[in-house]
Amino acid sequence: MSTSLQCIEYWFILHFDYYDSNNDRKYYRKYLHKEFKELGWNKYEKNNNELFELLSQHGDPRKAIRFAKQRLTSLSGRTDSESAPATKVHRLVEELAEFLPEHLQHKYISR
């Protein structure tokens, strides 16, 4: 995808809201700073070691997966360059979720 540099921030946003406006990484970071501040974090940092835990506990990973799929469906027939914002990170997450401890799998896998 042409938005690969921004797709991880977009993926994080989808844990909180469905979002379909094409903005740059700076806007996504600002959005995430606001969300994370409301959760008691000082600010969003992509390399924070607690990011997975925060998104698992306070975000909604299954909703993020559903929103990512919904967005890709709405873009059907468009080229990658016409498909921003979008992400395919959910494909990797769905594969890796099988290896999570059982008490976390329900947050990622619909059964």
PDB file of N, CA and C in Angstrom:
ATOM      1  N   MET A   1       0.837  -1.187   0.000  1.00  0.00           N
ATOM      2  CA  MET A   1       0.000   0.000   0.000  1.00  0.00           C
ATOM      3  C   MET A   1       0.877   1.244   0.000  1.00  0.00           C
ATOM      4  N   SER A   2       0.420   2.253  -0.578  1.00  0.00           N
ATOM      5  CA  SER A   2       1.178   3.489  -0.615  1.00  0.00           C
ATOM      6  C   SER A   2       1.248   4.144   0.759  1.00  0.00           C
ATOM      7  N   THR A   3       0.383   3.759   1.660  1.00  0.00           N
ATOM      8  CA  THR A   3       0.356   4.360   2.993  1.00  0.00           C
ATOM      9  C   THR A   3       1.122   3.510   4.011  1.00  0.00           C
ATOM     10  N   SER A   4       2.027   2.673   3.569  1.00  0.00           N
ATOM     11  CA  SER A   4       2.688   1.743   4.473  1.00  0.00           C
ATOM     12  C   SER A   4       3.416   2.446   5.611  1.00  0.00           C
ATOM     13  N   LEU A   5       3.938   3.628   5.389  1.00  0.00           N
ATOM     14  CA  LEU A   5       4.616   4.336   6.460  1.00  0.00           C
ATOM     15  C   LEU A   5       3.653   4.792   7.553  1.00  0.00           C
ATOM     16  N   GLN A   6       2.403   4.944   7.211  1.00  0.00           N
ATOM     17  CA  GLN A   6       1.411   5.426   8.163  1.00  0.00           C
ATOM     18  C   GLN A   6       0.455   4.331   8.612  1.00  0.00           C
ATOM     19  N   CYS A   7       0.563   3.142   8.054  1.00  0.00           N
ATOM     20  CA  CYS A   7      -0.456   2.139   8.320  1.00  0.00           C
ATOM     21  C   CYS A   7      -0.456   1.666   9.756  1.00  0.00           C
ATOM     22  N   ILE A   8       0.669   1.703  10.450  1.00  0.00           N
ATOM     23  CA  ILE A   8       0.664   1.227  11.834  1.00  0.00           C
ATOM     24  C   ILE A   8      -0.092   2.217  12.724  1.00  0.00           C
ATOM     25  N   GLU A   9       0.084   3.503  12.524  1.00  0.00           N
ATOM     26  CA  GLU A   9      -0.679   4.479  13.296  1.00  0.00           C
ATOM     27  C   GLU A   9      -2.165   4.375  12.952  1.00  0.00           C
ATOM     28  N   TYR A  10      -2.458   4.173  11.689  1.00  0.00           N
ATOM     29  CA  TYR A  10      -3.847   3.997  11.290  1.00  0.00           C
ATOM     30  C   TYR A  10      -4.426   2.756  11.976  1.00  0.00           C
ATOM     31  N   TRP A  11      -3.665   1.682  12.023  1.00  0.00           N
ATOM     32  CA  TRP A  11      -4.091   0.451  12.697  1.00  0.00           C
ATOM     33  C   TRP A  11      -4.392   0.730  14.179  1.00  0.00           C
ATOM     34  N   PHE A  12      -3.554   1.499  14.830  1.00  0.00           N
ATOM     35  CA  PHE A  12      -3.792   1.823  16.240  1.00  0.00           C
ATOM     36  C   PHE A  12      -5.073   2.635  16.421  1.00  0.00           C
ATOM     37  N   ILE A  13      -5.329   3.570  15.531  1.00  0.00           N
ATOM     38  CA  ILE A  13      -6.556   4.380  15.597  1.00  0.00           C
ATOM     39  C   ILE A  13      -7.791   3.489  15.512  1.00  0.00           C
ATOM     40  N   LEU A  14      -7.729   2.464  14.672  1.00  0.00           N
ATOM     41  CA  LEU A  14      -8.883   1.587  14.489  1.00  0.00           C
ATOM     42  C   LEU A  14      -9.249   0.823  15.759  1.00  0.00           C
ATOM     43  N   HIS A  15      -8.380   0.789  16.743  1.00  0.00           N
ATOM     44  CA  HIS A  15      -8.708   0.170  18.031  1.00  0.00           C
ATOM     45  C   HIS A  15      -9.728   0.996  18.807  1.00  0.00           C
ATOM     46  N   PHE A  16      -9.892   2.242  18.403  1.00  0.00           N
ATOM     47  CA  PHE A  16     -10.787   3.161  19.116  1.00  0.00           C
ATOM     48  C   PHE A  16     -11.967   3.609  18.269  1.00  0.00           C
ATOM     49  N   ASP A  17     -11.750   3.834  16.974  1.00  0.00           N
ATOM     50  CA  ASP A  17     -12.783   4.397  16.106  1.00  0.00           C
ATOM     51  C   ASP A  17     -12.605   3.929  14.671  1.00  0.00           C
ATOM     52  N   TYR A  18     -13.735   3.866  13.944  1.00  0.00           N
ATOM     53  CA  TYR A  18     -13.648   3.695  12.496  1.00  0.00           C
ATOM     54  C   TYR A  18     -13.233   5.041  11.930  1.00  0.00           C
ATOM     55  N   TYR A  19     -12.289   5.032  11.043  1.00  0.00           N
ATOM     56  CA  TYR A  19     -11.728   6.273  10.531  1.00  0.00           C
ATOM     57  C   TYR A  19     -11.445   6.098   9.058  1.00  0.00           C
ATOM     58  N   ASP A  20     -11.893   7.063   8.243  1.00  0.00           N
ATOM     59  CA  ASP A  20     -11.670   6.908   6.805  1.00  0.00           C
ATOM     60  C   ASP A  20     -11.177   8.177   6.113  1.00  0.00           C
ATOM     61  N   SER A  21     -10.716   9.153   6.890  1.00  0.00           N
ATOM     62  CA  SER A  21     -10.157  10.373   6.294  1.00  0.00           C
ATOM     63  C   SER A  21      -8.669  10.193   6.062  1.00  0.00           C
ATOM     64  N   ASN A  22      -8.228  10.563   4.894  1.00  0.00           N
ATOM     65  CA  ASN A  22      -6.827  10.416   4.543  1.00  0.00           C
ATOM     66  C   ASN A  22      -6.038  11.608   5.081  1.00  0.00           C
ATOM     67  N   ASN A  23      -5.319  11.366   6.145  1.00  0.00           N
ATOM     68  CA  ASN A  23      -4.461  12.390   6.738  1.00  0.00           C
ATOM     69  C   ASN A  23      -3.041  11.859   6.818  1.00  0.00           C
ATOM     70  N   ASP A  24      -2.116  12.717   7.149  1.00  0.00           N
ATOM     71  CA  ASP A  24      -0.728  12.274   7.242  1.00  0.00           C
ATOM     72  C   ASP A  24      -0.409  11.764   8.644  1.00  0.00           C
ATOM     73  N   ARG A  25       0.770  11.205   8.771  1.00  0.00           N
ATOM     74  CA  ARG A  25       1.220  10.612  10.027  1.00  0.00           C
ATOM     75  C   ARG A  25       1.158  11.604  11.182  1.00  0.00           C
ATOM     76  N   LYS A  26       1.461  12.861  10.915  1.00  0.00           N
ATOM     77  CA  LYS A  26       1.425  13.881  11.959  1.00  0.00           C
ATOM     78  C   LYS A  26       0.021  13.966  12.579  1.00  0.00           C
ATOM     79  N   TYR A  27      -0.999  13.938  11.733  1.00  0.00           N
ATOM     80  CA  TYR A  27      -2.373  13.979  12.239  1.00  0.00           C
ATOM     81  C   TYR A  27      -2.687  12.710  13.041  1.00  0.00           C
ATOM     82  N   TYR A  28      -2.274  11.558  12.544  1.00  0.00           N
ATOM     83  CA  TYR A  28      -2.534  10.300  13.251  1.00  0.00           C
ATOM     84  C   TYR A  28      -1.877  10.315  14.627  1.00  0.00           C
ATOM     85  N   ARG A  29      -0.656  10.816  14.701  1.00  0.00           N
ATOM     86  CA  ARG A  29       0.023  10.902  16.007  1.00  0.00           C
ATOM     87  C   ARG A  29      -0.737  11.821  16.954  1.00  0.00           C
ATOM     88  N   LYS A  30      -1.183  12.957  16.441  1.00  0.00           N
ATOM     89  CA  LYS A  30      -1.948  13.895  17.267  1.00  0.00           C
ATOM     90  C   LYS A  30      -3.217  13.223  17.795  1.00  0.00           C
ATOM     91  N   TYR A  31      -3.897  12.517  16.933  1.00  0.00           N
ATOM     92  CA  TYR A  31      -5.100  11.775  17.312  1.00  0.00           C
ATOM     93  C   TYR A  31      -4.777  10.768  18.416  1.00  0.00           C
ATOM     94  N   LEU A  32      -3.688  10.014  18.224  1.00  0.00           N
ATOM     95  CA  LEU A  32      -3.301   9.006  19.211  1.00  0.00           C
ATOM     96  C   LEU A  32      -2.827   9.633  20.520  1.00  0.00           C
ATOM     97  N   HIS A  33      -2.129  10.769  20.456  1.00  0.00           N
ATOM     98  CA  HIS A  33      -1.733  11.476  21.683  1.00  0.00           C
ATOM     99  C   HIS A  33      -2.968  11.777  22.527  1.00  0.00           C
ATOM    100  N   LYS A  34      -4.008  12.276  21.877  1.00  0.00           N
ATOM    101  CA  LYS A  34      -5.239  12.624  22.576  1.00  0.00           C
ATOM    102  C   LYS A  34      -5.876  11.383  23.203  1.00  0.00           C
ATOM    103  N   GLU A  35      -6.007  10.326  22.439  1.00  0.00           N
ATOM    104  CA  GLU A  35      -6.600   9.091  22.954  1.00  0.00           C
ATOM    105  C   GLU A  35      -5.802   8.530  24.128  1.00  0.00           C
ATOM    106  N   PHE A  36      -4.483   8.506  23.984  1.00  0.00           N
ATOM    107  CA  PHE A  36      -3.643   7.904  25.016  1.00  0.00           C
ATOM    108  C   PHE A  36      -3.593   8.765  26.269  1.00  0.00           C
ATOM    109  N   LYS A  37      -3.630  10.066  26.088  1.00  0.00           N
ATOM    110  CA  LYS A  37      -3.650  10.971  27.242  1.00  0.00           C
ATOM    111  C   LYS A  37      -4.910  10.719  28.080  1.00  0.00           C
ATOM    112  N   GLU A  38      -6.044  10.497  27.406  1.00  0.00           N
ATOM    113  CA  GLU A  38      -7.285  10.184  28.108  1.00  0.00           C
ATOM    114  C   GLU A  38      -7.183   8.874  28.880  1.00  0.00           C
ATOM    115  N   LEU A  39      -6.282   7.990  28.466  1.00  0.00           N
ATOM    116  CA  LEU A  39      -6.082   6.715  29.141  1.00  0.00           C
ATOM    117  C   LEU A  39      -5.007   6.792  30.228  1.00  0.00           C
ATOM    118  N   GLY A  40      -4.454   7.989  30.429  1.00  0.00           N
ATOM    119  CA  GLY A  40      -3.464   8.169  31.483  1.00  0.00           C
ATOM    120  C   GLY A  40      -2.016   8.109  31.038  1.00  0.00           C
ATOM    121  N   TRP A  41      -1.801   7.968  29.738  1.00  0.00           N
ATOM    122  CA  TRP A  41      -0.431   7.998  29.228  1.00  0.00           C
ATOM    123  C   TRP A  41      -0.048   9.427  28.925  1.00  0.00           C
ATOM    124  N   ASN A  42       1.226   9.726  29.032  1.00  0.00           N
ATOM    125  CA  ASN A  42       1.701  11.067  28.728  1.00  0.00           C
ATOM    126  C   ASN A  42       1.484  11.401  27.263  1.00  0.00           C
ATOM    127  N   LYS A  43       1.854  10.463  26.370  1.00  0.00           N
ATOM    128  CA  LYS A  43       1.682  10.659  24.935  1.00  0.00           C
ATOM    129  C   LYS A  43       1.872   9.339  24.211  1.00  0.00           C
ATOM    130  N   TYR A  44       1.448   9.308  22.964  1.00  0.00           N
ATOM    131  CA  TYR A  44       1.638   8.142  22.113  1.00  0.00           C
ATOM    132  C   TYR A  44       3.084   8.075  21.652  1.00  0.00           C
ATOM    133  N   GLU A  45       3.676   6.889  21.766  1.00  0.00           N
ATOM    134  CA  GLU A  45       4.999   6.616  21.209  1.00  0.00           C
ATOM    135  C   GLU A  45       4.965   5.223  20.601  1.00  0.00           C
ATOM    136  N   LYS A  46       5.255   5.132  19.330  1.00  0.00           N
ATOM    137  CA  LYS A  46       5.169   3.865  18.611  1.00  0.00           C
ATOM    138  C   LYS A  46       6.073   2.790  19.218  1.00  0.00           C
ATOM    139  N   ASN A  47       7.186   3.181  19.778  1.00  0.00           N
ATOM    140  CA  ASN A  47       8.134   2.205  20.299  1.00  0.00           C
ATOM    141  C   ASN A  47       7.981   1.948  21.803  1.00  0.00           C
ATOM    142  N   ASN A  48       6.882   2.354  22.406  1.00  0.00           N
ATOM    143  CA  ASN A  48       6.657   2.119  23.826  1.00  0.00           C
ATOM    144  C   ASN A  48       6.423   0.626  24.070  1.00  0.00           C
ATOM    145  N   ASN A  49       7.135   0.074  25.040  1.00  0.00           N
ATOM    146  CA  ASN A  49       7.036  -1.353  25.353  1.00  0.00           C
ATOM    147  C   ASN A  49       5.660  -1.764  25.865  1.00  0.00           C
ATOM    148  N   GLU A  50       4.865  -0.832  26.324  1.00  0.00           N
ATOM    149  CA  GLU A  50       3.549  -1.142  26.888  1.00  0.00           C
ATOM    150  C   GLU A  50       2.410  -0.928  25.875  1.00  0.00           C
ATOM    151  N   LEU A  51       2.754  -0.639  24.656  1.00  0.00           N
ATOM    152  CA  LEU A  51       1.742  -0.331  23.645  1.00  0.00           C
ATOM    153  C   LEU A  51       0.789  -1.508  23.403  1.00  0.00           C
ATOM    154  N   PHE A  52       1.316  -2.701  23.271  1.00  0.00           N
ATOM    155  CA  PHE A  52       0.473  -3.873  23.060  1.00  0.00           C
ATOM    156  C   PHE A  52      -0.506  -4.034  24.216  1.00  0.00           C
ATOM    157  N   GLU A  53      -0.007  -3.915  25.413  1.00  0.00           N
ATOM    158  CA  GLU A  53      -0.855  -4.052  26.603  1.00  0.00           C
ATOM    159  C   GLU A  53      -1.946  -2.984  26.634  1.00  0.00           C
ATOM    160  N   LEU A  54      -1.579  -1.751  26.345  1.00  0.00           N
ATOM    161  CA  LEU A  54      -2.558  -0.665  26.361  1.00  0.00           C
ATOM    162  C   LEU A  54      -3.646  -0.902  25.318  1.00  0.00           C
ATOM    163  N   LEU A  55      -3.259  -1.251  24.096  1.00  0.00           N
ATOM    164  CA  LEU A  55      -4.247  -1.485  23.044  1.00  0.00           C
ATOM    165  C   LEU A  55      -5.112  -2.702  23.349  1.00  0.00           C
ATOM    166  N   SER A  56      -4.531  -3.720  23.979  1.00  0.00           N
ATOM    167  CA  SER A  56      -5.296  -4.912  24.343  1.00  0.00           C
ATOM    168  C   SER A  56      -6.293  -4.632  25.456  1.00  0.00           C
ATOM    169  N   GLN A  57      -5.897  -3.809  26.408  1.00  0.00           N
ATOM    170  CA  GLN A  57      -6.760  -3.547  27.566  1.00  0.00           C
ATOM    171  C   GLN A  57      -7.747  -2.415  27.341  1.00  0.00           C
ATOM    172  N   HIS A  58      -7.325  -1.362  26.664  1.00  0.00           N
ATOM    173  CA  HIS A  58      -8.162  -0.167  26.548  1.00  0.00           C
ATOM    174  C   HIS A  58      -8.707   0.072  25.145  1.00  0.00           C
ATOM    175  N   GLY A  59      -8.091  -0.544  24.172  1.00  0.00           N
ATOM    176  CA  GLY A  59      -8.612  -0.487  22.812  1.00  0.00           C
ATOM    177  C   GLY A  59      -9.457  -1.724  22.575  1.00  0.00           C
ATOM    178  N   ASP A  60      -9.861  -1.934  21.375  1.00  0.00           N
ATOM    179  CA  ASP A  60     -10.665  -3.106  21.031  1.00  0.00           C
ATOM    180  C   ASP A  60     -10.073  -3.751  19.785  1.00  0.00           C
ATOM    181  N   PRO A  61      -9.165  -4.729  19.984  1.00  0.00           N
ATOM    182  CA  PRO A  61      -8.508  -5.358  18.841  1.00  0.00           C
ATOM    183  C   PRO A  61      -9.469  -6.013  17.845  1.00  0.00           C
ATOM    184  N   ARG A  62     -10.526  -6.662  18.334  1.00  0.00           N
ATOM    185  CA  ARG A  62     -11.481  -7.268  17.396  1.00  0.00           C
ATOM    186  C   ARG A  62     -12.186  -6.199  16.566  1.00  0.00           C
ATOM    187  N   LYS A  63     -12.482  -5.071  17.206  1.00  0.00           N
ATOM    188  CA  LYS A  63     -13.091  -3.962  16.473  1.00  0.00           C
ATOM    189  C   LYS A  63     -12.102  -3.431  15.440  1.00  0.00           C
ATOM    190  N   ALA A  64     -10.827  -3.326  15.791  1.00  0.00           N
ATOM    191  CA  ALA A  64      -9.813  -2.847  14.849  1.00  0.00           C
ATOM    192  C   ALA A  64      -9.740  -3.773  13.632  1.00  0.00           C
ATOM    193  N   ILE A  65      -9.801  -5.071  13.871  1.00  0.00           N
ATOM    194  CA  ILE A  65      -9.784  -6.039  12.772  1.00  0.00           C
ATOM    195  C   ILE A  65     -11.022  -5.847  11.900  1.00  0.00           C
ATOM    196  N   ARG A  66     -12.181  -5.727  12.527  1.00  0.00           N
ATOM    197  CA  ARG A  66     -13.429  -5.531  11.785  1.00  0.00           C
ATOM    198  C   ARG A  66     -13.396  -4.231  10.977  1.00  0.00           C
ATOM    199  N   PHE A  67     -12.905  -3.145  11.604  1.00  0.00           N
ATOM    200  CA  PHE A  67     -12.833  -1.854  10.919  1.00  0.00           C
ATOM    201  C   PHE A  67     -11.854  -1.900   9.745  1.00  0.00           C
ATOM    202  N   ALA A  68     -10.721  -2.571   9.924  1.00  0.00           N
ATOM    203  CA  ALA A  68      -9.739  -2.672   8.835  1.00  0.00           C
ATOM    204  C   ALA A  68     -10.340  -3.419   7.651  1.00  0.00           C
ATOM    205  N   LYS A  69     -11.043  -4.512   7.927  1.00  0.00           N
ATOM    206  CA  LYS A  69     -11.694  -5.272   6.854  1.00  0.00           C
ATOM    207  C   LYS A  69     -12.791  -4.444   6.190  1.00  0.00           C
ATOM    208  N   GLN A  70     -13.566  -3.739   7.007  1.00  0.00           N
ATOM    209  CA  GLN A  70     -14.641  -2.890   6.480  1.00  0.00           C
ATOM    210  C   GLN A  70     -14.074  -1.833   5.546  1.00  0.00           C
ATOM    211  N   ARG A  71     -12.971  -1.226   5.969  1.00  0.00           N
ATOM    212  CA  ARG A  71     -12.354  -0.184   5.140  1.00  0.00           C
ATOM    213  C   ARG A  71     -11.860  -0.761   3.812  1.00  0.00           C
ATOM    214  N   LEU A  72     -11.201  -1.911   3.848  1.00  0.00           N
ATOM    215  CA  LEU A  72     -10.719  -2.521   2.612  1.00  0.00           C
ATOM    216  C   LEU A  72     -11.878  -2.897   1.691  1.00  0.00           C
ATOM    217  N   THR A  73     -12.965  -3.381   2.256  1.00  0.00           N
ATOM    218  CA  THR A  73     -14.144  -3.713   1.450  1.00  0.00           C
ATOM    219  C   THR A  73     -14.703  -2.465   0.769  1.00  0.00           C
ATOM    220  N   SER A  74     -14.726  -1.362   1.504  1.00  0.00           N
ATOM    221  CA  SER A  74     -15.255  -0.118   0.922  1.00  0.00           C
ATOM    222  C   SER A  74     -14.363   0.421  -0.189  1.00  0.00           C
ATOM    223  N   LEU A  75     -13.138  -0.020  -0.237  1.00  0.00           N
ATOM    224  CA  LEU A  75     -12.188   0.447  -1.250  1.00  0.00           C
ATOM    225  C   LEU A  75     -12.033  -0.534  -2.408  1.00  0.00           C
ATOM    226  N   SER A  76     -12.846  -1.555  -2.418  1.00  0.00           N
ATOM    227  CA  SER A  76     -12.766  -2.592  -3.442  1.00  0.00           C
ATOM    228  C   SER A  76     -12.757  -1.978  -4.837  1.00  0.00           C
ATOM    229  N   GLY A  77     -11.837  -2.450  -5.658  1.00  0.00           N
ATOM    230  CA  GLY A  77     -11.738  -1.966  -7.030  1.00  0.00           C
ATOM    231  C   GLY A  77     -10.821  -0.774  -7.199  1.00  0.00           C
ATOM    232  N   ARG A  78     -10.346  -0.230  -6.114  1.00  0.00           N
ATOM    233  CA  ARG A  78      -9.432   0.921  -6.210  1.00  0.00           C
ATOM    234  C   ARG A  78      -7.985   0.436  -6.145  1.00  0.00           C
ATOM    235  N   THR A  79      -7.103   1.230  -6.709  1.00  0.00           N
ATOM    236  CA  THR A  79      -5.681   0.918  -6.622  1.00  0.00           C
ATOM    237  C   THR A  79      -5.186   1.258  -5.220  1.00  0.00           C
ATOM    238  N   ASP A  80      -4.023   0.758  -4.869  1.00  0.00           N
ATOM    239  CA  ASP A  80      -3.447   1.063  -3.562  1.00  0.00           C
ATOM    240  C   ASP A  80      -3.284   2.568  -3.360  1.00  0.00           C
ATOM    241  N   SER A  81      -2.862   3.267  -4.389  1.00  0.00           N
ATOM    242  CA  SER A  81      -2.657   4.710  -4.247  1.00  0.00           C
ATOM    243  C   SER A  81      -3.970   5.462  -4.047  1.00  0.00           C
ATOM    244  N   GLU A  82      -5.078   4.863  -4.417  1.00  0.00           N
ATOM    245  CA  GLU A  82      -6.395   5.478  -4.204  1.00  0.00           C
ATOM    246  C   GLU A  82      -7.040   5.011  -2.896  1.00  0.00           C
ATOM    247  N   SER A  83      -6.354   4.183  -2.144  1.00  0.00           N
ATOM    248  CA  SER A  83      -6.968   3.505  -1.005  1.00  0.00           C
ATOM    249  C   SER A  83      -6.556   4.038   0.360  1.00  0.00           C
ATOM    250  N   ALA A  84      -6.016   5.199   0.435  1.00  0.00           N
ATOM    251  CA  ALA A  84      -5.604   5.730   1.734  1.00  0.00           C
ATOM    252  C   ALA A  84      -6.789   6.388   2.432  1.00  0.00           C
ATOM    253  N   PRO A  85      -6.954   6.193   3.714  1.00  0.00           N
ATOM    254  CA  PRO A  85      -6.146   5.317   4.554  1.00  0.00           C
ATOM    255  C   PRO A  85      -6.660   3.883   4.493  1.00  0.00           C
ATOM    256  N   ALA A  86      -5.760   2.979   4.669  1.00  0.00           N
ATOM    257  CA  ALA A  86      -6.090   1.559   4.748  1.00  0.00           C
ATOM    258  C   ALA A  86      -4.892   0.840   5.345  1.00  0.00           C
ATOM    259  N   THR A  87      -5.144  -0.341   5.842  1.00  0.00           N
ATOM    260  CA  THR A  87      -4.072  -1.149   6.391  1.00  0.00           C
ATOM    261  C   THR A  87      -4.417  -2.613   6.223  1.00  0.00           C
ATOM    262  N   LYS A  88      -3.402  -3.414   6.148  1.00  0.00           N
ATOM    263  CA  LYS A  88      -3.580  -4.866   6.110  1.00  0.00           C
ATOM    264  C   LYS A  88      -2.906  -5.512   7.319  1.00  0.00           C
ATOM    265  N   VAL A  89      -2.586  -4.729   8.305  1.00  0.00           N
ATOM    266  CA  VAL A  89      -1.936  -5.226   9.522  1.00  0.00           C
ATOM    267  C   VAL A  89      -2.792  -6.295  10.190  1.00  0.00           C
ATOM    268  N   HIS A  90      -4.102  -6.173  10.059  1.00  0.00           N
ATOM    269  CA  HIS A  90      -4.998  -7.146  10.699  1.00  0.00           C
ATOM    270  C   HIS A  90      -4.722  -8.579  10.243  1.00  0.00           C
ATOM    271  N   ARG A  91      -4.240  -8.748   9.026  1.00  0.00           N
ATOM    272  CA  ARG A  91      -3.938 -10.093   8.530  1.00  0.00           C
ATOM    273  C   ARG A  91      -2.831 -10.740   9.364  1.00  0.00           C
ATOM    274  N   LEU A  92      -1.814  -9.983   9.652  1.00  0.00           N
ATOM    275  CA  LEU A  92      -0.728 -10.472  10.497  1.00  0.00           C
ATOM    276  C   LEU A  92      -1.221 -10.707  11.922  1.00  0.00           C
ATOM    277  N   VAL A  93      -1.990  -9.773  12.436  1.00  0.00           N
ATOM    278  CA  VAL A  93      -2.502  -9.882  13.802  1.00  0.00           C
ATOM    279  C   VAL A  93      -3.365 -11.138  13.956  1.00  0.00           C
ATOM    280  N   GLU A  94      -4.218 -11.399  12.982  1.00  0.00           N
ATOM    281  CA  GLU A  94      -5.059 -12.596  13.053  1.00  0.00           C
ATOM    282  C   GLU A  94      -4.218 -13.873  13.065  1.00  0.00           C
ATOM    283  N   GLU A  95      -3.150 -13.897  12.295  1.00  0.00           N
ATOM    284  CA  GLU A  95      -2.269 -15.070  12.277  1.00  0.00           C
ATOM    285  C   GLU A  95      -1.550 -15.243  13.619  1.00  0.00           C
ATOM    286  N   LEU A  96      -1.038 -14.153  14.147  1.00  0.00           N
ATOM    287  CA  LEU A  96      -0.268 -14.220  15.388  1.00  0.00           C
ATOM    288  C   LEU A  96      -1.138 -14.432  16.622  1.00  0.00           C
ATOM    289  N   ALA A  97      -2.393 -14.044  16.554  1.00  0.00           N
ATOM    290  CA  ALA A  97      -3.292 -14.167  17.707  1.00  0.00           C
ATOM    291  C   ALA A  97      -3.422 -15.610  18.181  1.00  0.00           C
ATOM    292  N   GLU A  98      -3.266 -16.541  17.284  1.00  0.00           N
ATOM    293  CA  GLU A  98      -3.343 -17.961  17.642  1.00  0.00           C
ATOM    294  C   GLU A  98      -2.252 -18.351  18.650  1.00  0.00           C
ATOM    295  N   PHE A  99      -1.177 -17.578  18.713  1.00  0.00           N
ATOM    296  CA  PHE A  99      -0.055 -17.892  19.580  1.00  0.00           C
ATOM    297  C   PHE A  99      -0.081 -17.114  20.899  1.00  0.00           C
ATOM    298  N   LEU A 100      -1.085 -16.252  21.059  1.00  0.00           N
ATOM    299  CA  LEU A 100      -1.219 -15.498  22.305  1.00  0.00           C
ATOM    300  C   LEU A 100      -1.675 -16.421  23.426  1.00  0.00           C
ATOM    301  N   PRO A 101      -1.390 -16.034  24.661  1.00  0.00           N
ATOM    302  CA  PRO A 101      -1.941 -16.811  25.774  1.00  0.00           C
ATOM    303  C   PRO A 101      -3.471 -16.842  25.664  1.00  0.00           C
ATOM    304  N   GLU A 102      -4.057 -17.937  26.112  1.00  0.00           N
ATOM    305  CA  GLU A 102      -5.496 -18.128  25.972  1.00  0.00           C
ATOM    306  C   GLU A 102      -6.310 -16.970  26.536  1.00  0.00           C
ATOM    307  N   HIS A 103      -5.864 -16.385  27.641  1.00  0.00           N
ATOM    308  CA  HIS A 103      -6.631 -15.300  28.263  1.00  0.00           C
ATOM    309  C   HIS A 103      -6.646 -14.025  27.416  1.00  0.00           C
ATOM    310  N   LEU A 104      -5.789 -13.933  26.406  1.00  0.00           N
ATOM    311  CA  LEU A 104      -5.780 -12.778  25.507  1.00  0.00           C
ATOM    312  C   LEU A 104      -6.431 -13.076  24.153  1.00  0.00           C
ATOM    313  N   GLN A 105      -6.474 -14.321  23.769  1.00  0.00           N
ATOM    314  CA  GLN A 105      -6.977 -14.674  22.441  1.00  0.00           C
ATOM    315  C   GLN A 105      -8.392 -14.160  22.193  1.00  0.00           C
ATOM    316  N   HIS A 106      -9.240 -14.162  23.191  1.00  0.00           N
ATOM    317  CA  HIS A 106     -10.633 -13.730  22.983  1.00  0.00           C
ATOM    318  C   HIS A 106     -10.737 -12.259  22.578  1.00  0.00           C
ATOM    319  N   LYS A 107      -9.694 -11.486  22.854  1.00  0.00           N
ATOM    320  CA  LYS A 107      -9.711 -10.069  22.459  1.00  0.00           C
ATOM    321  C   LYS A 107      -9.388  -9.899  20.976  1.00  0.00           C
ATOM    322  N   TYR A 108      -8.875 -10.941  20.341  1.00  0.00           N
ATOM    323  CA  TYR A 108      -8.431 -10.866  18.958  1.00  0.00           C
ATOM    324  C   TYR A 108      -9.180 -11.796  18.007  1.00  0.00           C
ATOM    325  N   ILE A 109      -9.696 -12.884  18.552  1.00  0.00           N
ATOM    326  CA  ILE A 109     -10.299 -13.914  17.727  1.00  0.00           C
ATOM    327  C   ILE A 109     -11.776 -14.055  18.079  1.00  0.00           C
ATOM    328  N   SER A 110     -12.624 -13.951  17.075  1.00  0.00           N
ATOM    329  CA  SER A 110     -14.054 -14.193  17.276  1.00  0.00           C
ATOM    330  C   SER A 110     -14.310 -15.670  17.123  1.00  0.00           C
ATOM    331  N   ARG A 111     -14.945 -16.234  18.100  1.00  0.00           N
ATOM    332  CA  ARG A 111     -15.223 -17.689  18.028  1.00  0.00           C
ATOM    333  C   ARG A 111     -16.674 -17.948  18.137  1.00  0.00           C
TER     334      ARG A 111
END
